Each structure stands twice: as structure tokens, then as C-alpha cells.
Amino acid sequence: MMSSRDVLAVMDAVAGAGCKGWLDGGWAVDAILGEQTRDHDDLDLVVELGAVDSIGRALAHLGYWLTEDERPIRVVLASDDGRSVDVHTVVFDEGGGGVQPQPGGGSFRYPPEGFLAVGTIEGKEYPCLSSEVQLLCHMGYEPDEIDRRDMALLAERSGLKLPQAYR
């Protein structure tokens, strides 16, 4: 499990390495909501592809090691005690969007405004993907109960319309 303290340590290590990471997934939802609403198996981060090695070195000091390398799509850094960071890599285009290749071809473009959100974990602010982009990222696959719960909370508190697949 990834505790809020683990998230703080990871985000501080990423910043200390001179890199920027945006919270994604469940921790981004909780950061936007300003409270932890459930336990989290991992931490999802969106980072620039060129920062992966620096982030890997910074997180090694916290006990994380590269366990999956699927660049340019993603890498996973995990610790011996089961904590893990799923790093989604992007290359920023001239419009400020983050382009991430997808398995099997194609790509996903995170819109520039999606990188402007700030969320709070234990009173500390961190960059995260916006509510709108969180909803967008959760489309195109069959959601599980955790996805449905997270998106319902996010839509309710952000005033966004919940997509049909999540109702």
C-alpha cells in the first residue's frame, strides 16, 4: 500500500531531483478532493520521458527500483515492501500537451490545461492532473468498482457530468 507519507516522500524526491511530476489516478483524485478517501495500491505519476532516469535515481534513495521498463509508455518503480510508483511518460508538444504512446500503437494527448491543477495531500500542495483530464483518462475501458467510485466522487465535488459508463 502507498500511504500519504509515501506519496509526500516520492513527490519531494521528484522535486529534489529537479523534475516535475503530476499526480494521476487515485492519489490525484484524493488530492483534488483534499482528503484521502480510500487505500491506494500504488502511486500513478505523469512525468516527462527525459526525466525518468533522474527520477529513478532519486527514488532509489527511498528504496524503489526499476521493475518494469516499457518506455516510452511507462515504467514501474517498486520497493521490496510492496510500494510502487507507476510512471506514465509523456513528451510535451509545442502546444503544451503531453503525448504518451499507447500499447499496440497510437497515442494519447493530455491537453495542456490538464497539467494546471493543484491538489492537497496532508496539507501540502502538489501538481496533479485536472478533474476533467482524470475523467477523460478513465474513458475507453470497462471501469471497475474503484474507478466508478473515484469518478463519482470527483464528478460530484467538481461539478462535472459523470460519463454514462460511470453511472
Protein backbone atom coordinates (compact mmCIF):
# COMPACT_ATOMS: atom_id res chain seq x y z
CA MET A 1 0.00 0.00 0.00
CA MET A 2 1.06 3.57 -0.69
CA SER A 3 0.42 5.78 2.32
CA SER A 4 0.08 9.55 2.14
CA ARG A 5 3.54 9.79 3.76
CA ASP A 6 4.93 7.63 0.94
CA VAL A 7 3.38 9.97 -1.61
CA LEU A 8 4.87 13.02 0.10
CA ALA A 9 8.32 11.40 0.13
CA VAL A 10 8.09 10.44 -3.56
CA MET A 11 6.87 13.87 -4.67
CA ASP A 12 9.56 15.62 -2.63
CA ALA A 13 12.25 13.32 -4.09
CA VAL A 14 11.00 14.03 -7.64
CA ALA A 15 11.14 17.79 -7.00
CA GLY A 16 14.53 17.42 -5.31
CA ALA A 17 15.84 15.79 -8.47
CA GLY A 18 14.83 18.92 -10.40
CA CYS A 19 11.93 17.13 -12.08
CA LYS A 20 8.22 17.70 -12.18
CA GLY A 21 5.61 15.02 -11.71
CA TRP A 22 1.84 15.28 -11.81
CA LEU A 23 -0.29 13.07 -9.58
CA ASP A 24 -2.57 10.82 -11.58
CA GLY A 25 -5.08 8.11 -10.76
CA GLY A 26 -6.44 7.55 -7.27
CA TRP A 27 -4.00 9.83 -5.47
CA ALA A 28 -4.79 12.66 -7.92
CA VAL A 29 -8.48 12.21 -7.20
CA ASP A 30 -7.83 12.36 -3.46
CA ALA A 31 -5.51 15.35 -3.84
CA ILE A 32 -8.13 17.25 -5.83
CA LEU A 33 -10.72 16.36 -3.16
CA GLY A 34 -8.28 17.42 -0.44
CA GLU A 35 -8.68 14.21 1.55
CA GLN A 36 -7.76 10.55 1.37
CA THR A 37 -10.94 8.66 0.55
CA ARG A 38 -9.55 5.11 0.27
CA ASP A 39 -6.44 2.95 0.45
CA HIS A 40 -4.18 3.01 -2.60
CA ASP A 41 -2.17 0.13 -4.05
CA ASP A 42 0.27 2.42 -5.84
CA LEU A 43 1.03 5.97 -6.91
CA ASP A 44 0.47 6.99 -10.53
CA LEU A 45 2.61 9.85 -11.83
CA VAL A 46 2.84 11.57 -15.19
CA VAL A 47 6.36 12.78 -15.98
CA GLU A 48 8.36 13.91 -18.96
CA LEU A 49 10.07 10.97 -20.65
CA GLY A 50 13.50 12.58 -20.34
CA ALA A 51 13.15 12.77 -16.55
CA VAL A 52 12.69 9.03 -15.93
CA ASP A 53 16.33 8.23 -15.20
CA SER A 54 16.72 11.17 -12.80
CA ILE A 55 13.52 10.20 -11.03
CA GLY A 56 14.68 6.59 -10.83
CA ARG A 57 17.93 7.67 -9.14
CA ALA A 58 16.04 9.92 -6.71
CA LEU A 59 13.58 7.19 -5.76
CA ALA A 60 16.35 4.62 -5.33
CA HIS A 61 17.28 6.57 -2.20
CA LEU A 62 13.79 5.76 -0.90
CA GLY A 63 14.14 2.05 -1.70
CA TYR A 64 12.41 1.95 -5.10
CA TRP A 65 13.90 0.01 -8.00
CA LEU A 66 13.01 -0.25 -11.67
CA THR A 67 10.84 -3.36 -12.01
CA GLU A 68 9.16 -2.72 -15.38
CA ASP A 69 10.56 -0.69 -18.25
CA GLU A 70 8.05 -0.18 -21.05
CA ARG A 71 9.47 3.12 -22.30
CA PRO A 72 8.26 5.24 -23.94
CA ILE A 73 4.88 4.27 -22.45
CA ARG A 74 5.62 3.76 -18.75
CA VAL A 75 7.98 2.43 -16.12
CA VAL A 76 7.25 0.96 -12.71
CA LEU A 77 9.45 1.53 -9.69
CA ALA A 78 8.76 -0.72 -6.70
CA SER A 79 10.15 -1.34 -3.24
CA ASP A 80 10.80 -4.65 -1.54
CA ASP A 81 7.89 -3.99 0.83
CA GLY A 82 5.31 -3.71 -1.96
CA ARG A 83 5.05 0.04 -2.52
CA SER A 84 5.08 1.02 -6.20
CA VAL A 85 5.12 4.07 -8.43
CA ASP A 86 3.62 3.69 -11.91
CA VAL A 87 5.30 6.38 -14.02
CA HIS A 88 3.39 7.37 -17.18
CA THR A 89 5.77 9.10 -19.56
CA VAL A 90 4.93 11.94 -21.91
CA VAL A 91 6.71 14.15 -24.40
CA PHE A 92 5.40 17.70 -24.43
CA ASP A 93 4.42 19.08 -27.82
CA GLU A 94 4.68 22.71 -28.95
CA GLY A 95 1.13 23.33 -27.72
CA GLY A 96 1.97 22.22 -24.18
CA GLY A 97 0.11 18.92 -24.39
CA GLY A 98 1.72 15.74 -23.12
CA VAL A 99 1.79 12.94 -25.67
CA GLN A 100 2.01 9.38 -24.39
CA PRO A 101 2.39 6.41 -26.74
CA GLN A 102 -0.10 3.63 -26.11
CA PRO A 103 0.39 -0.12 -26.11
CA GLY A 104 -0.36 -1.51 -29.55
CA GLY A 105 0.24 1.82 -31.28
CA GLY A 106 -1.41 5.19 -31.30
CA SER A 107 -1.01 7.82 -28.65
CA PHE A 108 -2.94 9.75 -26.02
CA ARG A 109 -2.57 13.52 -25.71
CA TYR A 110 -3.08 15.06 -22.31
CA PRO A 111 -4.39 18.58 -23.03
CA PRO A 112 -2.23 21.46 -21.75
CA GLU A 113 -4.87 22.66 -19.29
CA GLY A 114 -4.85 19.19 -17.72
CA PHE A 115 -1.46 19.96 -16.15
CA LEU A 116 -2.61 23.11 -14.34
CA ALA A 117 -4.41 21.54 -11.38
CA VAL A 118 -3.06 21.55 -7.86
CA GLY A 119 -4.20 19.14 -5.18
CA THR A 120 -3.52 18.76 -1.49
CA ILE A 121 -2.18 15.79 0.45
CA GLU A 122 -1.73 16.23 4.19
CA GLY A 123 -1.92 19.99 3.75
CA LYS A 124 0.83 20.14 1.13
CA GLU A 125 0.08 21.18 -2.44
CA TYR A 126 1.23 19.13 -5.43
CA PRO A 127 0.67 19.34 -9.19
CA CYS A 128 -1.88 16.86 -10.45
CA LEU A 129 -3.97 16.15 -13.50
CA SER A 130 -7.20 18.13 -13.53
CA SER A 131 -10.62 16.66 -12.77
CA GLU A 132 -11.56 16.93 -16.44
CA VAL A 133 -8.47 15.04 -17.56
CA GLN A 134 -8.99 12.42 -14.84
CA LEU A 135 -12.44 11.75 -16.30
CA LEU A 136 -11.01 11.71 -19.82
CA CYS A 137 -8.28 9.23 -18.83
CA HIS A 138 -10.87 6.88 -17.37
CA MET A 139 -12.74 6.50 -20.67
CA GLY A 140 -12.21 3.82 -23.30
CA TYR A 141 -12.13 0.79 -20.99
CA GLU A 142 -14.51 -1.09 -18.72
CA PRO A 143 -14.32 0.60 -15.30
CA ASP A 144 -14.10 -1.44 -12.11
CA GLU A 145 -15.80 -0.54 -8.83
CA ILE A 146 -12.86 1.56 -7.64
CA ASP A 147 -12.91 3.54 -10.92
CA ARG A 148 -16.65 4.10 -10.62
CA ARG A 149 -16.34 5.24 -7.01
CA ASP A 150 -13.41 7.60 -7.69
CA MET A 151 -15.02 9.18 -10.74
CA ALA A 152 -18.39 9.59 -8.98
CA LEU A 153 -16.72 11.44 -6.08
CA LEU A 154 -14.66 13.57 -8.45
CA ALA A 155 -17.63 14.48 -10.65
CA GLU A 156 -19.87 15.23 -7.65
CA ARG A 157 -17.38 17.52 -5.93
CA SER A 158 -16.04 19.13 -9.10
CA GLY A 159 -19.46 19.78 -10.64
CA LEU A 160 -18.65 17.73 -13.72
CA LYS A 161 -21.04 15.49 -15.60
CA LEU A 162 -20.29 11.82 -14.99
CA PRO A 163 -19.86 9.86 -18.24
CA GLN A 164 -22.53 7.24 -18.97
CA ALA A 165 -20.13 4.33 -18.39
CA TYR A 166 -19.71 5.51 -14.79
CA ARG A 167 -23.37 6.00 -13.85
